[in-house]
Amino acid sequence: MSKEFDQRPVAVQLKEVDENGDRPEEIVDFVQGYAEDKVVIGEHVIALNDLRCVLLLSD
């Protein structure tokens, strides 16, 4: 990732659904960094287009 970010806890829901029409579990972790079209949350590199919802959590 091209930019470092002050780590903040977030909960993320993805747009995708599985074969049963269910959404995958939330990813709850810290933002590690970001680029123009991607964000790193924990060990997950996620395209911004794949995000459904991002909730900022308090420390």
N, C-alpha and C. Protein backbone atom coordinates (compact mmCIF):
# COMPACT_ATOMS: atom_id res chain seq x y z
N MET A 1 0.85 -1.16 0.00
CA MET A 1 0.00 0.00 0.00
C MET A 1 0.90 1.24 0.00
N SER A 2 0.42 2.27 -0.61
CA SER A 2 1.25 3.44 -0.79
C SER A 2 1.22 4.40 0.40
N LYS A 3 0.23 4.33 1.26
CA LYS A 3 0.13 5.29 2.34
C LYS A 3 -0.05 4.57 3.67
N GLU A 4 0.58 5.11 4.69
CA GLU A 4 0.40 4.59 6.05
C GLU A 4 -0.75 5.36 6.69
N PHE A 5 -1.37 4.75 7.66
CA PHE A 5 -2.56 5.32 8.27
C PHE A 5 -2.50 5.09 9.76
N ASP A 6 -2.92 6.07 10.54
CA ASP A 6 -3.05 5.89 11.98
C ASP A 6 -4.06 4.77 12.20
N GLN A 7 -3.63 3.67 12.79
CA GLN A 7 -4.49 2.50 12.91
C GLN A 7 -5.75 2.81 13.70
N ARG A 8 -6.90 2.52 13.08
CA ARG A 8 -8.19 2.72 13.71
C ARG A 8 -9.00 1.45 13.58
N PRO A 9 -9.69 1.05 14.65
CA PRO A 9 -10.51 -0.16 14.56
C PRO A 9 -11.76 0.08 13.72
N VAL A 10 -12.07 -0.89 12.86
CA VAL A 10 -13.25 -0.80 12.01
C VAL A 10 -13.93 -2.16 11.93
N ALA A 11 -15.20 -2.13 11.58
CA ALA A 11 -15.95 -3.34 11.23
C ALA A 11 -16.38 -3.15 9.79
N VAL A 12 -16.13 -4.14 8.94
CA VAL A 12 -16.38 -4.02 7.50
C VAL A 12 -17.34 -5.11 7.05
N GLN A 13 -18.30 -4.74 6.23
CA GLN A 13 -19.17 -5.70 5.57
C GLN A 13 -18.90 -5.60 4.08
N LEU A 14 -18.78 -6.76 3.41
CA LEU A 14 -18.51 -6.80 1.99
C LEU A 14 -19.80 -6.87 1.19
N LYS A 15 -19.76 -6.43 -0.07
CA LYS A 15 -20.93 -6.47 -0.94
C LYS A 15 -21.29 -7.88 -1.36
N GLU A 16 -20.28 -8.73 -1.52
CA GLU A 16 -20.50 -10.06 -2.08
C GLU A 16 -21.42 -10.92 -1.22
N VAL A 17 -22.10 -11.84 -1.84
CA VAL A 17 -22.92 -12.81 -1.13
C VAL A 17 -22.47 -14.21 -1.53
N ASP A 18 -22.69 -15.19 -0.66
CA ASP A 18 -22.31 -16.56 -0.99
C ASP A 18 -23.42 -17.24 -1.79
N GLU A 19 -23.23 -18.53 -2.08
CA GLU A 19 -24.19 -19.26 -2.91
C GLU A 19 -25.58 -19.36 -2.28
N ASN A 20 -25.68 -19.15 -0.97
CA ASN A 20 -26.98 -19.19 -0.28
C ASN A 20 -27.62 -17.81 -0.16
N GLY A 21 -26.95 -16.80 -0.70
CA GLY A 21 -27.47 -15.44 -0.61
C GLY A 21 -27.12 -14.75 0.69
N ASP A 22 -26.26 -15.38 1.51
CA ASP A 22 -25.84 -14.78 2.77
C ASP A 22 -24.57 -13.97 2.57
N ARG A 23 -24.42 -12.95 3.36
CA ARG A 23 -23.19 -12.16 3.33
C ARG A 23 -22.15 -12.82 4.22
N PRO A 24 -20.88 -12.68 3.84
CA PRO A 24 -19.83 -13.24 4.71
C PRO A 24 -19.81 -12.52 6.05
N GLU A 25 -19.14 -13.10 7.02
CA GLU A 25 -19.03 -12.46 8.33
C GLU A 25 -18.33 -11.12 8.21
N GLU A 26 -18.57 -10.26 9.17
CA GLU A 26 -17.88 -8.98 9.22
C GLU A 26 -16.40 -9.21 9.45
N ILE A 27 -15.61 -8.32 8.94
CA ILE A 27 -14.18 -8.28 9.25
C ILE A 27 -14.02 -7.17 10.27
N VAL A 28 -13.51 -7.49 11.44
CA VAL A 28 -13.28 -6.50 12.49
C VAL A 28 -11.80 -6.50 12.80
N ASP A 29 -11.14 -5.39 12.50
CA ASP A 29 -9.69 -5.31 12.69
C ASP A 29 -9.28 -3.85 12.57
N PHE A 30 -7.98 -3.63 12.47
CA PHE A 30 -7.46 -2.27 12.36
C PHE A 30 -7.11 -1.95 10.92
N VAL A 31 -7.33 -0.70 10.53
CA VAL A 31 -6.89 -0.22 9.21
C VAL A 31 -5.37 -0.11 9.27
N GLN A 32 -4.69 -0.81 8.35
CA GLN A 32 -3.23 -0.81 8.32
C GLN A 32 -2.68 0.18 7.31
N GLY A 33 -3.43 0.44 6.25
CA GLY A 33 -2.99 1.37 5.21
C GLY A 33 -4.01 1.41 4.10
N TYR A 34 -3.75 2.27 3.12
CA TYR A 34 -4.69 2.39 2.01
C TYR A 34 -3.98 2.92 0.78
N ALA A 35 -4.60 2.75 -0.35
CA ALA A 35 -4.17 3.31 -1.63
C ALA A 35 -5.40 3.92 -2.27
N GLU A 36 -5.27 4.37 -3.50
CA GLU A 36 -6.38 5.05 -4.17
C GLU A 36 -7.63 4.19 -4.27
N ASP A 37 -7.47 2.87 -4.50
CA ASP A 37 -8.62 2.02 -4.74
C ASP A 37 -8.69 0.80 -3.82
N LYS A 38 -7.82 0.74 -2.79
CA LYS A 38 -7.79 -0.41 -1.89
C LYS A 38 -7.52 0.05 -0.46
N VAL A 39 -7.91 -0.81 0.47
CA VAL A 39 -7.63 -0.57 1.87
C VAL A 39 -7.14 -1.88 2.48
N VAL A 40 -6.22 -1.79 3.44
CA VAL A 40 -5.74 -2.97 4.15
C VAL A 40 -6.34 -2.93 5.54
N ILE A 41 -7.12 -3.97 5.84
CA ILE A 41 -7.74 -4.11 7.16
C ILE A 41 -7.24 -5.42 7.73
N GLY A 42 -6.44 -5.32 8.79
CA GLY A 42 -5.78 -6.52 9.31
C GLY A 42 -4.88 -7.08 8.24
N GLU A 43 -5.08 -8.32 7.85
CA GLU A 43 -4.30 -8.96 6.79
C GLU A 43 -5.05 -8.98 5.46
N HIS A 44 -6.22 -8.34 5.39
CA HIS A 44 -7.07 -8.37 4.20
C HIS A 44 -6.84 -7.13 3.35
N VAL A 45 -6.54 -7.33 2.07
CA VAL A 45 -6.48 -6.23 1.11
C VAL A 45 -7.81 -6.23 0.38
N ILE A 46 -8.57 -5.14 0.51
CA ILE A 46 -9.94 -5.10 -0.01
C ILE A 46 -10.09 -3.93 -0.97
N ALA A 47 -10.62 -4.21 -2.15
CA ALA A 47 -10.93 -3.15 -3.11
C ALA A 47 -12.09 -2.31 -2.56
N LEU A 48 -12.00 -1.01 -2.70
CA LEU A 48 -13.06 -0.14 -2.18
C LEU A 48 -14.41 -0.46 -2.82
N ASN A 49 -14.42 -0.91 -4.07
CA ASN A 49 -15.67 -1.27 -4.74
C ASN A 49 -16.36 -2.47 -4.10
N ASP A 50 -15.61 -3.29 -3.33
CA ASP A 50 -16.17 -4.48 -2.70
C ASP A 50 -16.76 -4.21 -1.32
N LEU A 51 -16.62 -2.98 -0.83
CA LEU A 51 -17.13 -2.66 0.50
C LEU A 51 -18.61 -2.29 0.44
N ARG A 52 -19.35 -2.85 1.35
CA ARG A 52 -20.77 -2.50 1.50
C ARG A 52 -20.95 -1.49 2.61
N CYS A 53 -20.24 -1.70 3.71
CA CYS A 53 -20.40 -0.85 4.89
C CYS A 53 -19.11 -0.87 5.69
N VAL A 54 -18.70 0.30 6.20
CA VAL A 54 -17.54 0.40 7.08
C VAL A 54 -17.99 1.17 8.31
N LEU A 55 -17.83 0.57 9.47
CA LEU A 55 -18.18 1.22 10.74
C LEU A 55 -16.90 1.52 11.50
N LEU A 56 -16.70 2.78 11.88
CA LEU A 56 -15.56 3.13 12.71
C LEU A 56 -15.90 2.79 14.15
N LEU A 57 -15.03 2.07 14.81
CA LEU A 57 -15.24 1.67 16.20
C LEU A 57 -14.42 2.56 17.10
N SER A 58 -14.89 2.81 18.29
CA SER A 58 -14.12 3.63 19.23
C SER A 58 -13.03 2.77 19.85
N ASP A 59 -11.96 3.42 20.23
CA ASP A 59 -10.80 2.73 20.82
C ASP A 59 -11.15 2.12 22.15
